C-alpha cells in the first residue's frame, strides 16, 4: 500500500487513499508503522482521500494509536468524509482518538 508521507515540525503526516479493508489493513498498519521514526512526536493521518474503512481498518488504526500512546506520542486523524466519520462515531473511536476537521486545524492544535 502506497501512503504519501510528509513531515512537519516533528509530525509525521500520512495520507492514505481509497479503501482500508480486510485485504490491505495489515499493509496499512505495516507501512505506517514502518514510516514512524523515533523523532516523530506526533502522527496525523489525513483521511481526505479515504472512501471506505472496514472493521479491520479500524483495528489497524487503533493498534497504531495504542503503540504511539505507549511511547507518549500524539495520534490524530483529520478530514474524515461523512461516511468515514459515521463509522468512527458508531464504533466510539471518536471518543478515544482525536479527530479534526482539517489538516490545518490538527497542525494548529499541535502548535
PDB file of N, CA and C in Angstrom:
ATOM      1  N   UNK A   1       0.845  -1.174   0.000  1.00  0.00           N
ATOM      2  CA  UNK A   1       0.000   0.000   0.000  1.00  0.00           C
ATOM      3  C   UNK A   1       0.890   1.236   0.000  1.00  0.00           C
ATOM      4  N   UNK A   2       0.659   2.115  -0.935  1.00  0.00           N
ATOM      5  CA  UNK A   2       1.431   3.340  -1.042  1.00  0.00           C
ATOM      6  C   UNK A   2       0.698   4.450  -0.296  1.00  0.00           C
ATOM      7  N   UNK A   3       1.356   4.986   0.721  1.00  0.00           N
ATOM      8  CA  UNK A   3       0.768   6.059   1.510  1.00  0.00           C
ATOM      9  C   UNK A   3       1.725   7.244   1.465  1.00  0.00           C
ATOM     10  N   UNK A   4       1.322   8.342   0.844  1.00  0.00           N
ATOM     11  CA  UNK A   4       2.190   9.520   0.848  1.00  0.00           C
ATOM     12  C   UNK A   4       2.468   9.979   2.283  1.00  0.00           C
ATOM     13  N   UNK A   5       3.741  10.265   2.554  1.00  0.00           N
ATOM     14  CA  UNK A   5       4.182  10.676   3.886  1.00  0.00           C
ATOM     15  C   UNK A   5       4.909  12.005   3.768  1.00  0.00           C
ATOM     16  N   UNK A   6       4.629  12.899   4.697  1.00  0.00           N
ATOM     17  CA  UNK A   6       5.408  14.130   4.804  1.00  0.00           C
ATOM     18  C   UNK A   6       5.655  14.385   6.285  1.00  0.00           C
ATOM     19  N   UNK A   7       6.595  15.258   6.560  1.00  0.00           N
ATOM     20  CA  UNK A   7       6.881  15.618   7.948  1.00  0.00           C
ATOM     21  C   UNK A   7       6.806  17.124   8.097  1.00  0.00           C
ATOM     22  N   UNK A   8       6.279  17.546   9.263  1.00  0.00           N
ATOM     23  CA  UNK A   8       6.120  18.965   9.548  1.00  0.00           C
ATOM     24  C   UNK A   8       6.434  19.179  11.029  1.00  0.00           C
ATOM     25  N   UNK A   9       7.602  19.704  11.332  1.00  0.00           N
ATOM     26  CA  UNK A   9       7.994  20.018  12.720  1.00  0.00           C
ATOM     27  C   UNK A   9       7.801  18.854  13.683  1.00  0.00           C
ATOM     28  N   UNK A  10       8.324  17.698  13.351  1.00  0.00           N
ATOM     29  CA  UNK A  10       8.235  16.537  14.233  1.00  0.00           C
ATOM     30  C   UNK A  10       6.948  15.748  14.125  1.00  0.00           C
ATOM     31  N   UNK A  11       6.071  16.159  13.203  1.00  0.00           N
ATOM     32  CA  UNK A  11       4.817  15.438  12.999  1.00  0.00           C
ATOM     33  C   UNK A  11       4.870  14.693  11.671  1.00  0.00           C
ATOM     34  N   UNK A  12       4.643  13.399  11.717  1.00  0.00           N
ATOM     35  CA  UNK A  12       4.517  12.612  10.500  1.00  0.00           C
ATOM     36  C   UNK A  12       3.074  12.738  10.030  1.00  0.00           C
ATOM     37  N   UNK A  13       2.898  13.093   8.764  1.00  0.00           N
ATOM     38  CA  UNK A  13       1.560  13.225   8.186  1.00  0.00           C
ATOM     39  C   UNK A  13       1.424  12.177   7.091  1.00  0.00           C
ATOM     40  N   UNK A  14       0.470  11.277   7.261  1.00  0.00           N
ATOM     41  CA  UNK A  14       0.215  10.214   6.287  1.00  0.00           C
ATOM     42  C   UNK A  14      -1.135  10.455   5.643  1.00  0.00           C
ATOM     43  N   UNK A  15      -1.224  10.178   4.338  1.00  0.00           N
ATOM     44  CA  UNK A  15      -2.470  10.435   3.606  1.00  0.00           C
ATOM     45  C   UNK A  15      -2.879   9.217   2.781  1.00  0.00           C
ATOM     46  N   UNK A  16      -3.465   8.203   3.432  1.00  0.00           N
ATOM     47  CA  UNK A  16      -3.930   7.036   2.676  1.00  0.00           C
ATOM     48  C   UNK A  16      -5.097   7.428   1.771  1.00  0.00           C
ATOM     49  N   UNK A  17      -5.288   6.655   0.723  1.00  0.00           N
ATOM     50  CA  UNK A  17      -6.421   6.931  -0.162  1.00  0.00           C
ATOM     51  C   UNK A  17      -7.097   5.624  -0.551  1.00  0.00           C
ATOM     52  N   UNK A  18      -8.327   5.752  -1.007  1.00  0.00           N
ATOM     53  CA  UNK A  18      -9.078   4.572  -1.432  1.00  0.00           C
ATOM     54  C   UNK A  18      -9.758   3.892  -0.270  1.00  0.00           C
ATOM     55  N   UNK A  19      -9.367   2.650  -0.032  1.00  0.00           N
ATOM     56  CA  UNK A  19     -10.015   1.821   0.988  1.00  0.00           C
ATOM     57  C   UNK A  19      -8.978   1.258   1.958  1.00  0.00           C
ATOM     58  N   UNK A  20      -9.402   1.096   3.194  1.00  0.00           N
ATOM     59  CA  UNK A  20      -8.650   0.280   4.154  1.00  0.00           C
ATOM     60  C   UNK A  20      -9.630  -0.778   4.612  1.00  0.00           C
ATOM     61  N   UNK A  21      -9.362  -2.009   4.185  1.00  0.00           N
ATOM     62  CA  UNK A  21     -10.287  -3.106   4.468  1.00  0.00           C
ATOM     63  C   UNK A  21      -9.505  -4.363   4.817  1.00  0.00           C
ATOM     64  N   UNK A  22     -10.192  -5.474   4.881  1.00  0.00           N
ATOM     65  CA  UNK A  22      -9.563  -6.732   5.255  1.00  0.00           C
ATOM     66  C   UNK A  22      -8.435  -7.161   4.335  1.00  0.00           C
ATOM     67  N   UNK A  23      -8.445  -6.685   3.111  1.00  0.00           N
ATOM     68  CA  UNK A  23      -7.409  -7.064   2.158  1.00  0.00           C
ATOM     69  C   UNK A  23      -6.114  -6.278   2.356  1.00  0.00           C
ATOM     70  N   UNK A  24      -6.196  -5.037   2.846  1.00  0.00           N
ATOM     71  CA  UNK A  24      -4.977  -4.238   2.929  1.00  0.00           C
ATOM     72  C   UNK A  24      -4.741  -3.587   4.297  1.00  0.00           C
ATOM     73  N   UNK A  25      -5.563  -3.887   5.287  1.00  0.00           N
ATOM     74  CA  UNK A  25      -5.397  -3.269   6.605  1.00  0.00           C
ATOM     75  C   UNK A  25      -4.025  -3.585   7.201  1.00  0.00           C
ATOM     76  N   UNK A  26      -3.559  -4.805   7.019  1.00  0.00           N
ATOM     77  CA  UNK A  26      -2.234  -5.182   7.532  1.00  0.00           C
ATOM     78  C   UNK A  26      -1.144  -4.390   6.811  1.00  0.00           C
ATOM     79  N   UNK A  27      -1.284  -4.209   5.507  1.00  0.00           N
ATOM     80  CA  UNK A  27      -0.319  -3.394   4.752  1.00  0.00           C
ATOM     81  C   UNK A  27      -0.321  -1.954   5.242  1.00  0.00           C
ATOM     82  N   UNK A  28      -1.524  -1.400   5.475  1.00  0.00           N
ATOM     83  CA  UNK A  28      -1.649  -0.050   6.007  1.00  0.00           C
ATOM     84  C   UNK A  28      -0.899   0.053   7.336  1.00  0.00           C
ATOM     85  N   UNK A  29      -1.154  -0.885   8.222  1.00  0.00           N
ATOM     86  CA  UNK A  29      -0.506  -0.894   9.534  1.00  0.00           C
ATOM     87  C   UNK A  29       1.014  -0.966   9.398  1.00  0.00           C
ATOM     88  N   UNK A  30       1.496  -1.893   8.598  1.00  0.00           N
ATOM     89  CA  UNK A  30       2.940  -2.065   8.439  1.00  0.00           C
ATOM     90  C   UNK A  30       3.598  -0.856   7.779  1.00  0.00           C
ATOM     91  N   UNK A  31       2.949  -0.306   6.756  1.00  0.00           N
ATOM     92  CA  UNK A  31       3.506   0.846   6.065  1.00  0.00           C
ATOM     93  C   UNK A  31       3.604   2.046   6.992  1.00  0.00           C
ATOM     94  N   UNK A  32       2.541   2.311   7.712  1.00  0.00           N
ATOM     95  CA  UNK A  32       2.549   3.473   8.599  1.00  0.00           C
ATOM     96  C   UNK A  32       3.504   3.261   9.771  1.00  0.00           C
ATOM     97  N   UNK A  33       3.469   2.093  10.377  1.00  0.00           N
ATOM     98  CA  UNK A  33       4.370   1.797  11.485  1.00  0.00           C
ATOM     99  C   UNK A  33       5.830   1.892  11.040  1.00  0.00           C
ATOM    100  N   UNK A  34       6.116   1.403   9.839  1.00  0.00           N
ATOM    101  CA  UNK A  34       7.481   1.464   9.319  1.00  0.00           C
ATOM    102  C   UNK A  34       7.949   2.874   9.018  1.00  0.00           C
ATOM    103  N   UNK A  35       7.016   3.761   8.735  1.00  0.00           N
ATOM    104  CA  UNK A  35       7.373   5.149   8.409  1.00  0.00           C
ATOM    105  C   UNK A  35       7.612   5.996   9.650  1.00  0.00           C
ATOM    106  N   UNK A  36       7.074   5.575  10.792  1.00  0.00           N
ATOM    107  CA  UNK A  36       7.199   6.355  12.025  1.00  0.00           C
ATOM    108  C   UNK A  36       8.606   6.181  12.593  1.00  0.00           C
ATOM    109  N   UNK A  37       9.263   7.308  12.816  1.00  0.00           N
ATOM    110  CA  UNK A  37      10.624   7.251  13.377  1.00  0.00           C
ATOM    111  C   UNK A  37      10.593   7.669  14.843  1.00  0.00           C
ATOM    112  N   UNK A  38      11.680   7.436  15.513  1.00  0.00           N
ATOM    113  CA  UNK A  38      11.799   7.819  16.917  1.00  0.00           C
ATOM    114  C   UNK A  38      11.755   9.323  17.119  1.00  0.00           C
ATOM    115  N   UNK A  39      12.018  10.087  16.079  1.00  0.00           N
ATOM    116  CA  UNK A  39      11.988  11.547  16.159  1.00  0.00           C
ATOM    117  C   UNK A  39      10.587  12.120  16.012  1.00  0.00           C
ATOM    118  N   UNK A  40       9.635  11.311  15.566  1.00  0.00           N
ATOM    119  CA  UNK A  40       8.267  11.794  15.370  1.00  0.00           C
ATOM    120  C   UNK A  40       7.570  11.899  16.724  1.00  0.00           C
ATOM    121  N   UNK A  41       7.129  13.109  17.075  1.00  0.00           N
ATOM    122  CA  UNK A  41       6.432  13.318  18.338  1.00  0.00           C
ATOM    123  C   UNK A  41       4.925  13.225  18.173  1.00  0.00           C
ATOM    124  N   UNK A  42       4.469  13.227  16.918  1.00  0.00           N
ATOM    125  CA  UNK A  42       3.041  13.120  16.632  1.00  0.00           C
ATOM    126  C   UNK A  42       2.850  12.493  15.260  1.00  0.00           C
ATOM    127  N   UNK A  43       1.718  11.832  15.098  1.00  0.00           N
ATOM    128  CA  UNK A  43       1.327  11.264  13.806  1.00  0.00           C
ATOM    129  C   UNK A  43      -0.082  11.753  13.499  1.00  0.00           C
ATOM    130  N   UNK A  44      -0.233  12.301  12.299  1.00  0.00           N
ATOM    131  CA  UNK A  44      -1.526  12.773  11.820  1.00  0.00           C
ATOM    132  C   UNK A  44      -1.871  11.992  10.564  1.00  0.00           C
ATOM    133  N   UNK A  45      -3.028  11.357  10.555  1.00  0.00           N
ATOM    134  CA  UNK A  45      -3.486  10.637   9.369  1.00  0.00           C
ATOM    135  C   UNK A  45      -4.582  11.476   8.719  1.00  0.00           C
ATOM    136  N   UNK A  46      -4.254  11.984   7.530  1.00  0.00           N
ATOM    137  CA  UNK A  46      -5.187  12.789   6.744  1.00  0.00           C
ATOM    138  C   UNK A  46      -6.039  11.831   5.925  1.00  0.00           C
ATOM    139  N   UNK A  47      -7.310  11.715   6.269  1.00  0.00           N
ATOM    140  CA  UNK A  47      -8.191  10.732   5.646  1.00  0.00           C
ATOM    141  C   UNK A  47      -9.045  11.324   4.527  1.00  0.00           C
ATOM    142  N   UNK A  48      -8.648  12.474   4.008  1.00  0.00           N
ATOM    143  CA  UNK A  48      -9.444  13.130   2.963  1.00  0.00           C
ATOM    144  C   UNK A  48      -9.554  12.287   1.696  1.00  0.00           C
ATOM    145  N   UNK A  49      -8.578  11.430   1.428  1.00  0.00           N
ATOM    146  CA  UNK A  49      -8.609  10.595   0.233  1.00  0.00           C
ATOM    147  C   UNK A  49      -9.215   9.220   0.458  1.00  0.00           C
ATOM    148  N   UNK A  50      -9.664   8.948   1.665  1.00  0.00           N
ATOM    149  CA  UNK A  50     -10.213   7.635   2.005  1.00  0.00           C
ATOM    150  C   UNK A  50     -11.715   7.618   1.741  1.00  0.00           C
ATOM    151  N   UNK A  51     -12.199   6.573   1.082  1.00  0.00           N
ATOM    152  CA  UNK A  51     -13.638   6.480   0.838  1.00  0.00           C
ATOM    153  C   UNK A  51     -14.295   5.283   1.527  1.00  0.00           C
ATOM    154  N   UNK A  52     -13.491   4.441   2.202  1.00  0.00           N
ATOM    155  CA  UNK A  52     -14.071   3.293   2.911  1.00  0.00           C
ATOM    156  C   UNK A  52     -13.072   2.801   3.944  1.00  0.00           C
ATOM    157  N   UNK A  53     -13.589   2.426   5.120  1.00  0.00           N
ATOM    158  CA  UNK A  53     -12.769   1.754   6.124  1.00  0.00           C
ATOM    159  C   UNK A  53     -13.622   0.665   6.774  1.00  0.00           C
ATOM    160  N   UNK A  54     -13.064  -0.520   6.870  1.00  0.00           N
ATOM    161  CA  UNK A  54     -13.778  -1.654   7.471  1.00  0.00           C
ATOM    162  C   UNK A  54     -13.360  -1.813   8.927  1.00  0.00           C
ATOM    163  N   UNK A  55     -13.922  -2.802   9.587  1.00  0.00           N
ATOM    164  CA  UNK A  55     -13.536  -3.070  10.972  1.00  0.00           C
ATOM    165  C   UNK A  55     -12.064  -3.446  11.057  1.00  0.00           C
ATOM    166  N   UNK A  56     -11.537  -4.102  10.032  1.00  0.00           N
ATOM    167  CA  UNK A  56     -10.104  -4.430  10.015  1.00  0.00           C
ATOM    168  C   UNK A  56      -9.273  -3.148   9.934  1.00  0.00           C
ATOM    169  N   UNK A  57      -9.756  -2.185   9.189  1.00  0.00           N
ATOM    170  CA  UNK A  57      -9.079  -0.894   9.102  1.00  0.00           C
ATOM    171  C   UNK A  57      -9.128  -0.149  10.422  1.00  0.00           C
ATOM    172  N   UNK A  58     -10.282  -0.191  11.083  1.00  0.00           N
ATOM    173  CA  UNK A  58     -10.409   0.429  12.405  1.00  0.00           C
ATOM    174  C   UNK A  58      -9.438  -0.202  13.389  1.00  0.00           C
ATOM    175  N   UNK A  59      -9.319  -1.507  13.328  1.00  0.00           N
ATOM    176  CA  UNK A  59      -8.391  -2.212  14.228  1.00  0.00           C
ATOM    177  C   UNK A  59      -6.962  -1.766  13.968  1.00  0.00           C
ATOM    178  N   UNK A  60      -6.579  -1.617  12.704  1.00  0.00           N
ATOM    179  CA  UNK A  60      -5.227  -1.168  12.364  1.00  0.00           C
ATOM    180  C   UNK A  60      -4.981   0.237  12.900  1.00  0.00           C
ATOM    181  N   UNK A  61      -5.962   1.126  12.750  1.00  0.00           N
ATOM    182  CA  UNK A  61      -5.839   2.492  13.274  1.00  0.00           C
ATOM    183  C   UNK A  61      -5.655   2.448  14.783  1.00  0.00           C
ATOM    184  N   UNK A  62      -6.454   1.641  15.469  1.00  0.00           N
ATOM    185  CA  UNK A  62      -6.370   1.543  16.918  1.00  0.00           C
ATOM    186  C   UNK A  62      -5.020   0.984  17.369  1.00  0.00           C
ATOM    187  N   UNK A  63      -4.499   0.006  16.675  1.00  0.00           N
ATOM    188  CA  UNK A  63      -3.195  -0.572  17.025  1.00  0.00           C
ATOM    189  C   UNK A  63      -2.080   0.467  16.887  1.00  0.00           C
ATOM    190  N   UNK A  64      -2.145   1.271  15.831  1.00  0.00           N
ATOM    191  CA  UNK A  64      -1.143   2.325  15.631  1.00  0.00           C
ATOM    192  C   UNK A  64      -1.265   3.362  16.746  1.00  0.00           C
ATOM    193  N   UNK A  65      -2.496   3.770  17.040  1.00  0.00           N
ATOM    194  CA  UNK A  65      -2.718   4.755  18.101  1.00  0.00           C
ATOM    195  C   UNK A  65      -2.185   4.246  19.436  1.00  0.00           C
ATOM    196  N   UNK A  66      -2.472   3.010  19.753  1.00  0.00           N
ATOM    197  CA  UNK A  66      -2.040   2.431  21.029  1.00  0.00           C
ATOM    198  C   UNK A  66      -0.517   2.404  21.141  1.00  0.00           C
ATOM    199  N   UNK A  67       0.149   2.022  20.072  1.00  0.00           N
ATOM    200  CA  UNK A  67       1.620   1.989  20.080  1.00  0.00           C
ATOM    201  C   UNK A  67       2.197   3.391  20.283  1.00  0.00           C
ATOM    202  N   UNK A  68       1.580   4.392  19.659  1.00  0.00           N
ATOM    203  CA  UNK A  68       2.058   5.762  19.824  1.00  0.00           C
ATOM    204  C   UNK A  68       1.797   6.280  21.231  1.00  0.00           C
ATOM    205  N   UNK A  69       0.622   6.003  21.773  1.00  0.00           N
ATOM    206  CA  UNK A  69       0.304   6.442  23.134  1.00  0.00           C
ATOM    207  C   UNK A  69       1.286   5.851  24.138  1.00  0.00           C
ATOM    208  N   UNK A  70       1.696   4.596  23.918  1.00  0.00           N
ATOM    209  CA  UNK A  70       2.627   3.943  24.838  1.00  0.00           C
ATOM    210  C   UNK A  70       3.979   4.633  24.856  1.00  0.00           C
ATOM    211  N   UNK A  71       4.344   5.254  23.747  1.00  0.00           N
ATOM    212  CA  UNK A  71       5.624   5.976  23.730  1.00  0.00           C
ATOM    213  C   UNK A  71       5.424   7.484  23.899  1.00  0.00           C
ATOM    214  N   UNK A  72       4.232   7.864  24.354  1.00  0.00           N
ATOM    215  CA  UNK A  72       3.887   9.257  24.668  1.00  0.00           C
ATOM    216  C   UNK A  72       3.896  10.176  23.448  1.00  0.00           C
ATOM    217  N   UNK A  73       3.618   9.633  22.281  1.00  0.00           N
ATOM    218  CA  UNK A  73       3.483  10.433  21.060  1.00  0.00           C
ATOM    219  C   UNK A  73       1.997  10.664  20.807  1.00  0.00           C
ATOM    220  N   UNK A  74       1.676  11.763  20.157  1.00  0.00           N
ATOM    221  CA  UNK A  74       0.282  12.085  19.868  1.00  0.00           C
ATOM    222  C   UNK A  74      -0.159  11.401  18.575  1.00  0.00           C
ATOM    223  N   UNK A  75      -1.453  11.103  18.503  1.00  0.00           N
ATOM    224  CA  UNK A  75      -2.042  10.494  17.310  1.00  0.00           C
ATOM    225  C   UNK A  75      -3.350  11.194  17.023  1.00  0.00           C
ATOM    226  N   UNK A  76      -3.511  11.654  15.775  1.00  0.00           N
ATOM    227  CA  UNK A  76      -4.718  12.365  15.373  1.00  0.00           C
ATOM    228  C   UNK A  76      -5.141  11.938  13.981  1.00  0.00           C
ATOM    229  N   UNK A  77      -6.427  12.116  13.729  1.00  0.00           N
ATOM    230  CA  UNK A  77      -6.985  11.924  12.395  1.00  0.00           C
ATOM    231  C   UNK A  77      -7.592  13.246  11.954  1.00  0.00           C
ATOM    232  N   UNK A  78      -7.664  13.459  10.646  1.00  0.00           N
ATOM    233  CA  UNK A  78      -8.333  14.657  10.154  1.00  0.00           C
ATOM    234  C   UNK A  78      -9.009  14.381   8.818  1.00  0.00           C
ATOM    235  N   UNK A  79      -9.906  15.287   8.475  1.00  0.00           N
ATOM    236  CA  UNK A  79     -10.559  15.313   7.161  1.00  0.00           C
ATOM    237  C   UNK A  79     -11.320  14.035   6.836  1.00  0.00           C
ATOM    238  N   UNK A  80     -12.079  13.539   7.804  1.00  0.00           N
ATOM    239  CA  UNK A  80     -12.897  12.352   7.572  1.00  0.00           C
ATOM    240  C   UNK A  80     -14.130  12.740   6.763  1.00  0.00           C
ATOM    241  N   UNK A  81     -14.429  11.980   5.724  1.00  0.00           N
ATOM    242  CA  UNK A  81     -15.652  12.218   4.950  1.00  0.00           C
ATOM    243  C   UNK A  81     -16.859  11.855   5.820  1.00  0.00           C
ATOM    244  N   UNK A  82     -18.038  12.187   5.364  1.00  0.00           N
ATOM    245  CA  UNK A  82     -19.246  11.898   6.130  1.00  0.00           C
ATOM    246  C   UNK A  82     -19.381  10.444   6.507  1.00  0.00           C
ATOM    247  N   UNK A  83     -19.200   9.535   5.551  1.00  0.00           N
ATOM    248  CA  UNK A  83     -19.376   8.106   5.841  1.00  0.00           C
ATOM    249  C   UNK A  83     -18.264   7.560   6.734  1.00  0.00           C
ATOM    250  N   UNK A  84     -17.037   8.016   6.528  1.00  0.00           N
ATOM    251  CA  UNK A  84     -15.925   7.570   7.380  1.00  0.00           C
ATOM    252  C   UNK A  84     -16.133   8.109   8.800  1.00  0.00           C
ATOM    253  N   UNK A  85     -16.546   9.358   8.904  1.00  0.00           N
ATOM    254  CA  UNK A  85     -16.826   9.945  10.214  1.00  0.00           C
ATOM    255  C   UNK A  85     -17.905   9.176  10.955  1.00  0.00           C
ATOM    256  N   UNK A  86     -18.933   8.744  10.223  1.00  0.00           N
ATOM    257  CA  UNK A  86     -20.008   7.956  10.837  1.00  0.00           C
ATOM    258  C   UNK A  86     -19.487   6.641  11.394  1.00  0.00           C
ATOM    259  N   UNK A  87     -18.597   5.983  10.669  1.00  0.00           N
ATOM    260  CA  UNK A  87     -18.016   4.718  11.142  1.00  0.00           C
ATOM    261  C   UNK A  87     -17.269   4.952  12.452  1.00  0.00           C
ATOM    262  N   UNK A  88     -16.500   6.049  12.522  1.00  0.00           N
ATOM    263  CA  UNK A  88     -15.755   6.341  13.740  1.00  0.00           C
ATOM    264  C   UNK A  88     -16.693   6.684  14.894  1.00  0.00           C
ATOM    265  N   UNK A  89     -17.796   7.381  14.617  1.00  0.00           N
ATOM    266  CA  UNK A  89     -18.761   7.698  15.669  1.00  0.00           C
ATOM    267  C   UNK A  89     -19.487   6.451  16.148  1.00  0.00           C
ATOM    268  N   UNK A  90     -19.949   5.618  15.205  1.00  0.00           N
ATOM    269  CA  UNK A  90     -20.688   4.406  15.568  1.00  0.00           C
ATOM    270  C   UNK A  90     -19.834   3.440  16.375  1.00  0.00           C
ATOM    271  N   UNK A  91     -18.537   3.402  16.064  1.00  0.00           N
ATOM    272  CA  UNK A  91     -17.640   2.486  16.775  1.00  0.00           C
ATOM    273  C   UNK A  91     -17.167   3.062  18.105  1.00  0.00           C
ATOM    274  N   UNK A  92     -17.409   4.362  18.318  1.00  0.00           N
ATOM    275  CA  UNK A  92     -16.939   5.004  19.541  1.00  0.00           C
ATOM    276  C   UNK A  92     -15.502   5.465  19.472  1.00  0.00           C
ATOM    277  N   UNK A  93     -14.861   5.260  18.323  1.00  0.00           N
ATOM    278  CA  UNK A  93     -13.457   5.637  18.183  1.00  0.00           C
ATOM    279  C   UNK A  93     -13.274   7.151  18.247  1.00  0.00           C
ATOM    280  N   UNK A  94     -14.315   7.906  17.939  1.00  0.00           N
ATOM    281  CA  UNK A  94     -14.205   9.370  18.014  1.00  0.00           C
ATOM    282  C   UNK A  94     -14.047   9.840  19.462  1.00  0.00           C
ATOM    283  N   UNK A  95     -14.324   8.975  20.410  1.00  0.00           N
ATOM    284  CA  UNK A  95     -14.165   9.307  21.826  1.00  0.00           C
ATOM    285  C   UNK A  95     -12.745   9.036  22.321  1.00  0.00           C
ATOM    286  N   UNK A  96     -12.005   8.177  21.622  1.00  0.00           N
ATOM    287  CA  UNK A  96     -10.670   7.806  22.092  1.00  0.00           C
ATOM    288  C   UNK A  96      -9.550   8.298  21.179  1.00  0.00           C
ATOM    289  N   UNK A  97      -9.892   8.685  19.957  1.00  0.00           N
ATOM    290  CA  UNK A  97      -8.897   9.200  19.018  1.00  0.00           C
ATOM    291  C   UNK A  97      -9.276  10.635  18.673  1.00  0.00           C
ATOM    292  N   UNK A  98      -8.290  11.515  18.754  1.00  0.00           N
ATOM    293  CA  UNK A  98      -8.538  12.926  18.464  1.00  0.00           C
ATOM    294  C   UNK A  98      -8.766  13.100  16.961  1.00  0.00           C
ATOM    295  N   UNK A  99      -9.903  13.737  16.611  1.00  0.00           N
ATOM    296  CA  UNK A  99     -10.282  13.924  15.209  1.00  0.00           C
ATOM    297  C   UNK A  99     -10.500  15.414  14.959  1.00  0.00           C
ATOM    298  N   UNK A 100      -9.912  15.903  13.853  1.00  0.00           N
ATOM    299  CA  UNK A 100     -10.042  17.312  13.484  1.00  0.00           C
ATOM    300  C   UNK A 100     -10.667  17.429  12.101  1.00  0.00           C
ATOM    301  N   UNK A 101     -11.320  18.561  11.868  1.00  0.00           N
ATOM    302  CA  UNK A 101     -11.991  18.791  10.592  1.00  0.00           C
ATOM    303  C   UNK A 101     -11.021  18.889   9.430  1.00  0.00           C
ATOM    304  N   UNK A 102      -9.848  19.468   9.664  1.00  0.00           N
ATOM    305  CA  UNK A 102      -8.891  19.659   8.572  1.00  0.00           C
ATOM    306  C   UNK A 102      -7.458  19.436   9.058  1.00  0.00           C
ATOM    307  N   UNK A 103      -6.565  19.280   8.108  1.00  0.00           N
ATOM    308  CA  UNK A 103      -5.148  19.130   8.423  1.00  0.00           C
ATOM    309  C   UNK A 103      -4.634  20.384   9.109  1.00  0.00           C
ATOM    310  N   UNK A 104      -5.039  21.550   8.637  1.00  0.00           N
ATOM    311  CA  UNK A 104      -4.608  22.804   9.245  1.00  0.00           C
ATOM    312  C   UNK A 104      -5.052  22.904  10.707  1.00  0.00           C
ATOM    313  N   UNK A 105      -6.297  22.499  10.995  1.00  0.00           N
ATOM    314  CA  UNK A 105      -6.796  22.509  12.376  1.00  0.00           C
ATOM    315  C   UNK A 105      -5.951  21.600  13.274  1.00  0.00           C
ATOM    316  N   UNK A 106      -5.642  20.410  12.780  1.00  0.00           N
ATOM    317  CA  UNK A 106      -4.859  19.450  13.550  1.00  0.00           C
ATOM    318  C   UNK A 106      -3.445  19.969  13.802  1.00  0.00           C
ATOM    319  N   UNK A 107      -2.825  20.508  12.770  1.00  0.00           N
ATOM    320  CA  UNK A 107      -1.462  21.043  12.932  1.00  0.00           C
ATOM    321  C   UNK A 107      -1.439  22.238  13.868  1.00  0.00           C
ATOM    322  N   UNK A 108      -2.476  23.068  13.824  1.00  0.00           N
ATOM    323  CA  UNK A 108      -2.563  24.217  14.738  1.00  0.00           C
ATOM    324  C   UNK A 108      -2.678  23.720  16.184  1.00  0.00           C
ATOM    325  N   UNK A 109      -3.414  22.644  16.395  1.00  0.00           N
ATOM    326  CA  UNK A 109      -3.569  22.072  17.740  1.00  0.00           C
ATOM    327  C   UNK A 109      -2.229  21.572  18.277  1.00  0.00           C
ATOM    328  N   UNK A 110      -1.395  21.049  17.382  1.00  0.00           N
ATOM    329  CA  UNK A 110      -0.084  20.558  17.779  1.00  0.00           C
ATOM    330  C   UNK A 110       0.879  21.701  18.077  1.00  0.00           C
ATOM    331  N   UNK A 111       0.563  22.887  17.545  1.00  0.00           N
ATOM    332  CA  UNK A 111       1.375  24.069  17.814  1.00  0.00           C
ATOM    333  C   UNK A 111       2.547  24.114  16.920  1.00  0.00           C
TER     334      UNK A 111
END
